[in-house]
Amino acid sequence: MKLHKEFQYVYNKGKNQHSQSVVLFFLPQPGVRKVGFTATKKLGNAVKRNRAKRRLRALFCEYSDSFKDGTYVFVAKAAIFDAPFEKLTNDFNKVLSRAKTLT
């Protein structure tokens, strides 16, 4: 996903789940699998925001085979920089299981 209006649609219509380092917005849509990653300017400069999105993409690749159809938006929080990868994996798994998005 790249368009602002796509992100806004998922923010407004989808369900959200929060953890310490990640927020998931999920909108179930049969036959559609879209994903978007975002980090706000509150996190820092472009280097930090891109690092946060890279970490989210790496987590997404681990679970990508077991996702249900729908649109996913992952939002990075400030804690994503300080947390070790194991903690991020636990947070990522927590938001996915709460949203019931894993098959």
N, C-alpha and C. Protein backbone atom coordinates (compact mmCIF):
# COMPACT_ATOMS: atom_id res chain seq x y z
N MET A 1 0.84 -1.18 0.00
CA MET A 1 0.00 0.00 0.00
C MET A 1 0.88 1.24 0.00
N LYS A 2 0.46 2.20 -0.77
CA LYS A 2 1.24 3.44 -0.84
C LYS A 2 0.39 4.69 -0.71
N LEU A 3 -0.88 4.60 -1.08
CA LEU A 3 -1.71 5.79 -1.10
C LEU A 3 -2.22 6.16 0.29
N HIS A 4 -2.24 7.45 0.57
CA HIS A 4 -2.70 7.96 1.85
C HIS A 4 -4.15 7.56 2.12
N LYS A 5 -4.99 7.59 1.09
CA LYS A 5 -6.40 7.28 1.29
C LYS A 5 -6.60 5.80 1.64
N GLU A 6 -5.74 4.91 1.16
CA GLU A 6 -5.82 3.50 1.55
C GLU A 6 -5.53 3.33 3.04
N PHE A 7 -4.48 4.01 3.50
CA PHE A 7 -4.14 3.94 4.92
C PHE A 7 -5.28 4.51 5.77
N GLN A 8 -5.82 5.64 5.38
CA GLN A 8 -6.90 6.27 6.13
C GLN A 8 -8.13 5.38 6.19
N TYR A 9 -8.43 4.69 5.11
CA TYR A 9 -9.58 3.80 5.09
C TYR A 9 -9.42 2.68 6.11
N VAL A 10 -8.23 2.10 6.17
CA VAL A 10 -7.98 1.02 7.14
C VAL A 10 -8.00 1.57 8.56
N TYR A 11 -7.45 2.76 8.78
CA TYR A 11 -7.47 3.36 10.11
C TYR A 11 -8.91 3.58 10.58
N ASN A 12 -9.78 4.03 9.69
CA ASN A 12 -11.15 4.36 10.07
C ASN A 12 -12.06 3.14 10.16
N LYS A 13 -11.90 2.17 9.28
CA LYS A 13 -12.82 1.04 9.21
C LYS A 13 -12.30 -0.22 9.91
N GLY A 14 -10.99 -0.32 10.06
CA GLY A 14 -10.41 -1.55 10.59
C GLY A 14 -10.39 -1.61 12.10
N LYS A 15 -10.00 -2.78 12.61
CA LYS A 15 -9.83 -2.99 14.03
C LYS A 15 -8.37 -2.78 14.38
N ASN A 16 -8.12 -2.27 15.58
CA ASN A 16 -6.73 -2.04 15.95
C ASN A 16 -6.36 -2.80 17.21
N GLN A 17 -5.10 -3.17 17.28
CA GLN A 17 -4.53 -3.85 18.44
C GLN A 17 -3.19 -3.20 18.75
N HIS A 18 -2.94 -2.96 20.02
CA HIS A 18 -1.72 -2.27 20.45
C HIS A 18 -0.84 -3.19 21.27
N SER A 19 0.44 -2.99 21.15
CA SER A 19 1.41 -3.58 22.06
C SER A 19 2.40 -2.48 22.41
N GLN A 20 3.45 -2.83 23.09
CA GLN A 20 4.40 -1.83 23.54
C GLN A 20 5.17 -1.18 22.39
N SER A 21 5.42 -1.94 21.33
CA SER A 21 6.25 -1.41 20.25
C SER A 21 5.57 -1.38 18.88
N VAL A 22 4.38 -1.98 18.76
CA VAL A 22 3.72 -2.09 17.45
C VAL A 22 2.22 -1.87 17.62
N VAL A 23 1.62 -1.23 16.62
CA VAL A 23 0.17 -1.13 16.53
C VAL A 23 -0.24 -1.77 15.21
N LEU A 24 -1.28 -2.60 15.27
CA LEU A 24 -1.79 -3.26 14.07
C LEU A 24 -3.20 -2.77 13.79
N PHE A 25 -3.44 -2.32 12.57
CA PHE A 25 -4.77 -2.03 12.07
C PHE A 25 -5.08 -3.10 11.04
N PHE A 26 -6.22 -3.79 11.22
CA PHE A 26 -6.58 -4.90 10.34
C PHE A 26 -8.00 -4.73 9.84
N LEU A 27 -8.17 -4.86 8.53
CA LEU A 27 -9.47 -4.80 7.89
C LEU A 27 -9.64 -6.08 7.08
N PRO A 28 -10.53 -7.01 7.52
CA PRO A 28 -10.71 -8.25 6.76
C PRO A 28 -11.38 -7.99 5.41
N GLN A 29 -10.79 -8.53 4.36
CA GLN A 29 -11.33 -8.41 3.01
C GLN A 29 -11.03 -9.72 2.28
N PRO A 30 -12.06 -10.48 1.92
CA PRO A 30 -11.81 -11.76 1.24
C PRO A 30 -11.12 -11.57 -0.10
N GLY A 31 -10.10 -12.38 -0.34
CA GLY A 31 -9.39 -12.34 -1.61
C GLY A 31 -8.38 -11.22 -1.76
N VAL A 32 -8.19 -10.42 -0.72
CA VAL A 32 -7.25 -9.29 -0.80
C VAL A 32 -6.20 -9.47 0.28
N ARG A 33 -4.94 -9.28 -0.11
CA ARG A 33 -3.85 -9.27 0.88
C ARG A 33 -2.97 -8.07 0.61
N LYS A 34 -3.14 -7.03 1.43
CA LYS A 34 -2.32 -5.83 1.31
C LYS A 34 -1.69 -5.57 2.66
N VAL A 35 -0.53 -4.94 2.61
CA VAL A 35 0.15 -4.61 3.85
C VAL A 35 0.83 -3.25 3.69
N GLY A 36 0.86 -2.50 4.78
CA GLY A 36 1.54 -1.21 4.81
C GLY A 36 2.27 -1.04 6.12
N PHE A 37 3.37 -0.33 6.06
CA PHE A 37 4.19 -0.07 7.25
C PHE A 37 4.35 1.43 7.38
N THR A 38 4.23 1.94 8.59
CA THR A 38 4.37 3.37 8.77
C THR A 38 5.06 3.68 10.09
N ALA A 39 5.73 4.81 10.10
CA ALA A 39 6.37 5.34 11.30
C ALA A 39 6.22 6.85 11.26
N THR A 40 5.72 7.42 12.33
CA THR A 40 5.44 8.85 12.34
C THR A 40 6.71 9.65 12.59
N LYS A 41 6.63 10.93 12.34
CA LYS A 41 7.78 11.82 12.54
C LYS A 41 8.13 11.98 14.01
N LYS A 42 7.23 11.57 14.89
CA LYS A 42 7.52 11.61 16.32
C LYS A 42 8.67 10.69 16.69
N LEU A 43 8.91 9.66 15.86
CA LEU A 43 9.97 8.70 16.15
C LEU A 43 11.36 9.26 15.89
N GLY A 44 11.46 10.24 15.00
CA GLY A 44 12.77 10.80 14.73
C GLY A 44 12.95 11.12 13.26
N ASN A 45 14.20 11.22 12.86
CA ASN A 45 14.50 11.58 11.47
C ASN A 45 14.25 10.40 10.53
N ALA A 46 14.50 10.59 9.25
CA ALA A 46 14.19 9.58 8.24
C ALA A 46 14.97 8.29 8.46
N VAL A 47 16.18 8.40 8.95
CA VAL A 47 16.99 7.20 9.18
C VAL A 47 16.33 6.32 10.23
N LYS A 48 15.87 6.92 11.32
CA LYS A 48 15.22 6.15 12.39
C LYS A 48 13.89 5.59 11.93
N ARG A 49 13.11 6.36 11.21
CA ARG A 49 11.82 5.88 10.72
C ARG A 49 12.00 4.71 9.76
N ASN A 50 12.98 4.80 8.87
CA ASN A 50 13.22 3.71 7.93
C ASN A 50 13.71 2.46 8.64
N ARG A 51 14.50 2.63 9.69
CA ARG A 51 14.97 1.48 10.47
C ARG A 51 13.79 0.79 11.15
N ALA A 52 12.87 1.57 11.68
CA ALA A 52 11.69 1.00 12.32
C ALA A 52 10.86 0.21 11.31
N LYS A 53 10.69 0.75 10.12
CA LYS A 53 9.90 0.05 9.10
C LYS A 53 10.61 -1.21 8.62
N ARG A 54 11.94 -1.18 8.54
CA ARG A 54 12.69 -2.39 8.16
C ARG A 54 12.50 -3.50 9.20
N ARG A 55 12.50 -3.11 10.47
CA ARG A 55 12.30 -4.11 11.52
C ARG A 55 10.90 -4.72 11.44
N LEU A 56 9.90 -3.88 11.14
CA LEU A 56 8.54 -4.39 10.98
C LEU A 56 8.43 -5.32 9.77
N ARG A 57 9.09 -4.97 8.68
CA ARG A 57 9.05 -5.82 7.49
C ARG A 57 9.70 -7.18 7.75
N ALA A 58 10.78 -7.18 8.52
CA ALA A 58 11.45 -8.44 8.86
C ALA A 58 10.53 -9.34 9.68
N LEU A 59 9.80 -8.76 10.62
CA LEU A 59 8.84 -9.53 11.40
C LEU A 59 7.71 -10.04 10.52
N PHE A 60 7.26 -9.19 9.62
CA PHE A 60 6.17 -9.58 8.72
C PHE A 60 6.57 -10.78 7.86
N CYS A 61 7.80 -10.82 7.40
CA CYS A 61 8.26 -11.92 6.55
C CYS A 61 8.22 -13.26 7.29
N GLU A 62 8.44 -13.24 8.59
CA GLU A 62 8.39 -14.48 9.37
C GLU A 62 6.98 -15.07 9.41
N TYR A 63 5.96 -14.21 9.48
CA TYR A 63 4.59 -14.67 9.65
C TYR A 63 3.76 -14.62 8.37
N SER A 64 4.31 -14.18 7.27
CA SER A 64 3.52 -13.88 6.08
C SER A 64 2.74 -15.07 5.53
N ASP A 65 3.21 -16.28 5.76
CA ASP A 65 2.51 -17.45 5.24
C ASP A 65 1.23 -17.76 6.01
N SER A 66 1.13 -17.30 7.25
CA SER A 66 0.01 -17.69 8.09
C SER A 66 -1.02 -16.57 8.30
N PHE A 67 -1.03 -15.56 7.44
CA PHE A 67 -2.00 -14.47 7.58
C PHE A 67 -3.31 -14.78 6.87
N LYS A 68 -4.40 -14.29 7.44
CA LYS A 68 -5.70 -14.34 6.77
C LYS A 68 -5.75 -13.24 5.73
N ASP A 69 -6.73 -13.34 4.82
CA ASP A 69 -6.90 -12.30 3.81
C ASP A 69 -7.38 -11.01 4.46
N GLY A 70 -6.88 -9.90 3.96
CA GLY A 70 -7.27 -8.60 4.49
C GLY A 70 -6.19 -7.58 4.26
N THR A 71 -6.43 -6.40 4.80
CA THR A 71 -5.48 -5.31 4.69
C THR A 71 -4.88 -5.06 6.07
N TYR A 72 -3.57 -5.00 6.11
CA TYR A 72 -2.83 -4.83 7.36
C TYR A 72 -2.03 -3.53 7.30
N VAL A 73 -2.06 -2.78 8.39
CA VAL A 73 -1.19 -1.62 8.53
C VAL A 73 -0.48 -1.76 9.87
N PHE A 74 0.83 -1.78 9.83
CA PHE A 74 1.65 -1.87 11.03
C PHE A 74 2.27 -0.50 11.30
N VAL A 75 2.08 -0.01 12.51
CA VAL A 75 2.60 1.30 12.90
C VAL A 75 3.65 1.10 13.98
N ALA A 76 4.81 1.68 13.78
CA ALA A 76 5.90 1.55 14.74
C ALA A 76 5.72 2.54 15.88
N LYS A 77 6.05 2.10 17.08
CA LYS A 77 6.07 2.99 18.25
C LYS A 77 7.52 3.23 18.64
N ALA A 78 7.74 4.17 19.55
CA ALA A 78 9.10 4.55 19.94
C ALA A 78 9.87 3.40 20.57
N ALA A 79 9.19 2.48 21.22
CA ALA A 79 9.87 1.37 21.90
C ALA A 79 10.52 0.39 20.92
N ILE A 80 10.24 0.52 19.65
CA ILE A 80 10.78 -0.42 18.66
C ILE A 80 12.31 -0.32 18.54
N PHE A 81 12.87 0.83 18.88
CA PHE A 81 14.31 1.02 18.75
C PHE A 81 15.09 0.34 19.87
N ASP A 82 14.55 0.36 21.08
CA ASP A 82 15.28 -0.16 22.23
C ASP A 82 15.06 -1.65 22.47
N ALA A 83 14.00 -2.19 21.91
CA ALA A 83 13.64 -3.58 22.18
C ALA A 83 14.50 -4.55 21.38
N PRO A 84 14.92 -5.65 22.00
CA PRO A 84 15.62 -6.69 21.24
C PRO A 84 14.64 -7.40 20.30
N PHE A 85 15.17 -8.11 19.34
CA PHE A 85 14.32 -8.72 18.32
C PHE A 85 13.34 -9.74 18.91
N GLU A 86 13.74 -10.44 19.98
CA GLU A 86 12.85 -11.41 20.62
C GLU A 86 11.63 -10.72 21.22
N LYS A 87 11.85 -9.57 21.84
CA LYS A 87 10.73 -8.80 22.41
C LYS A 87 9.81 -8.30 21.30
N LEU A 88 10.37 -7.85 20.20
CA LEU A 88 9.55 -7.41 19.07
C LEU A 88 8.74 -8.57 18.50
N THR A 89 9.35 -9.74 18.44
CA THR A 89 8.64 -10.91 17.96
C THR A 89 7.45 -11.24 18.86
N ASN A 90 7.65 -11.14 20.16
CA ASN A 90 6.55 -11.39 21.10
C ASN A 90 5.44 -10.35 20.94
N ASP A 91 5.80 -9.08 20.81
CA ASP A 91 4.81 -8.02 20.61
C ASP A 91 4.04 -8.22 19.31
N PHE A 92 4.76 -8.56 18.27
CA PHE A 92 4.15 -8.78 16.96
C PHE A 92 3.17 -9.95 17.02
N ASN A 93 3.60 -11.03 17.65
CA ASN A 93 2.74 -12.20 17.79
C ASN A 93 1.52 -11.87 18.65
N LYS A 94 1.70 -11.05 19.68
CA LYS A 94 0.60 -10.67 20.56
C LYS A 94 -0.49 -9.91 19.81
N VAL A 95 -0.10 -8.92 19.00
CA VAL A 95 -1.12 -8.14 18.28
C VAL A 95 -1.79 -9.00 17.20
N LEU A 96 -1.06 -9.89 16.58
CA LEU A 96 -1.66 -10.77 15.57
C LEU A 96 -2.64 -11.74 16.18
N SER A 97 -2.31 -12.31 17.33
CA SER A 97 -3.22 -13.26 17.95
C SER A 97 -4.44 -12.56 18.53
N ARG A 98 -4.29 -11.36 19.07
CA ARG A 98 -5.45 -10.61 19.59
C ARG A 98 -6.41 -10.24 18.47
N ALA A 99 -5.87 -9.89 17.31
CA ALA A 99 -6.70 -9.52 16.18
C ALA A 99 -7.25 -10.74 15.44
N LYS A 100 -6.81 -11.94 15.84
CA LYS A 100 -7.26 -13.20 15.24
C LYS A 100 -6.99 -13.20 13.73
N THR A 101 -5.77 -12.83 13.37
CA THR A 101 -5.40 -12.75 11.95
C THR A 101 -4.57 -13.93 11.48
N LEU A 102 -4.17 -14.79 12.40
CA LEU A 102 -3.35 -15.94 12.03
C LEU A 102 -4.25 -17.14 11.71
N THR A 103 -3.88 -17.89 10.67
CA THR A 103 -4.67 -19.07 10.31
C THR A 103 -4.18 -20.29 11.04
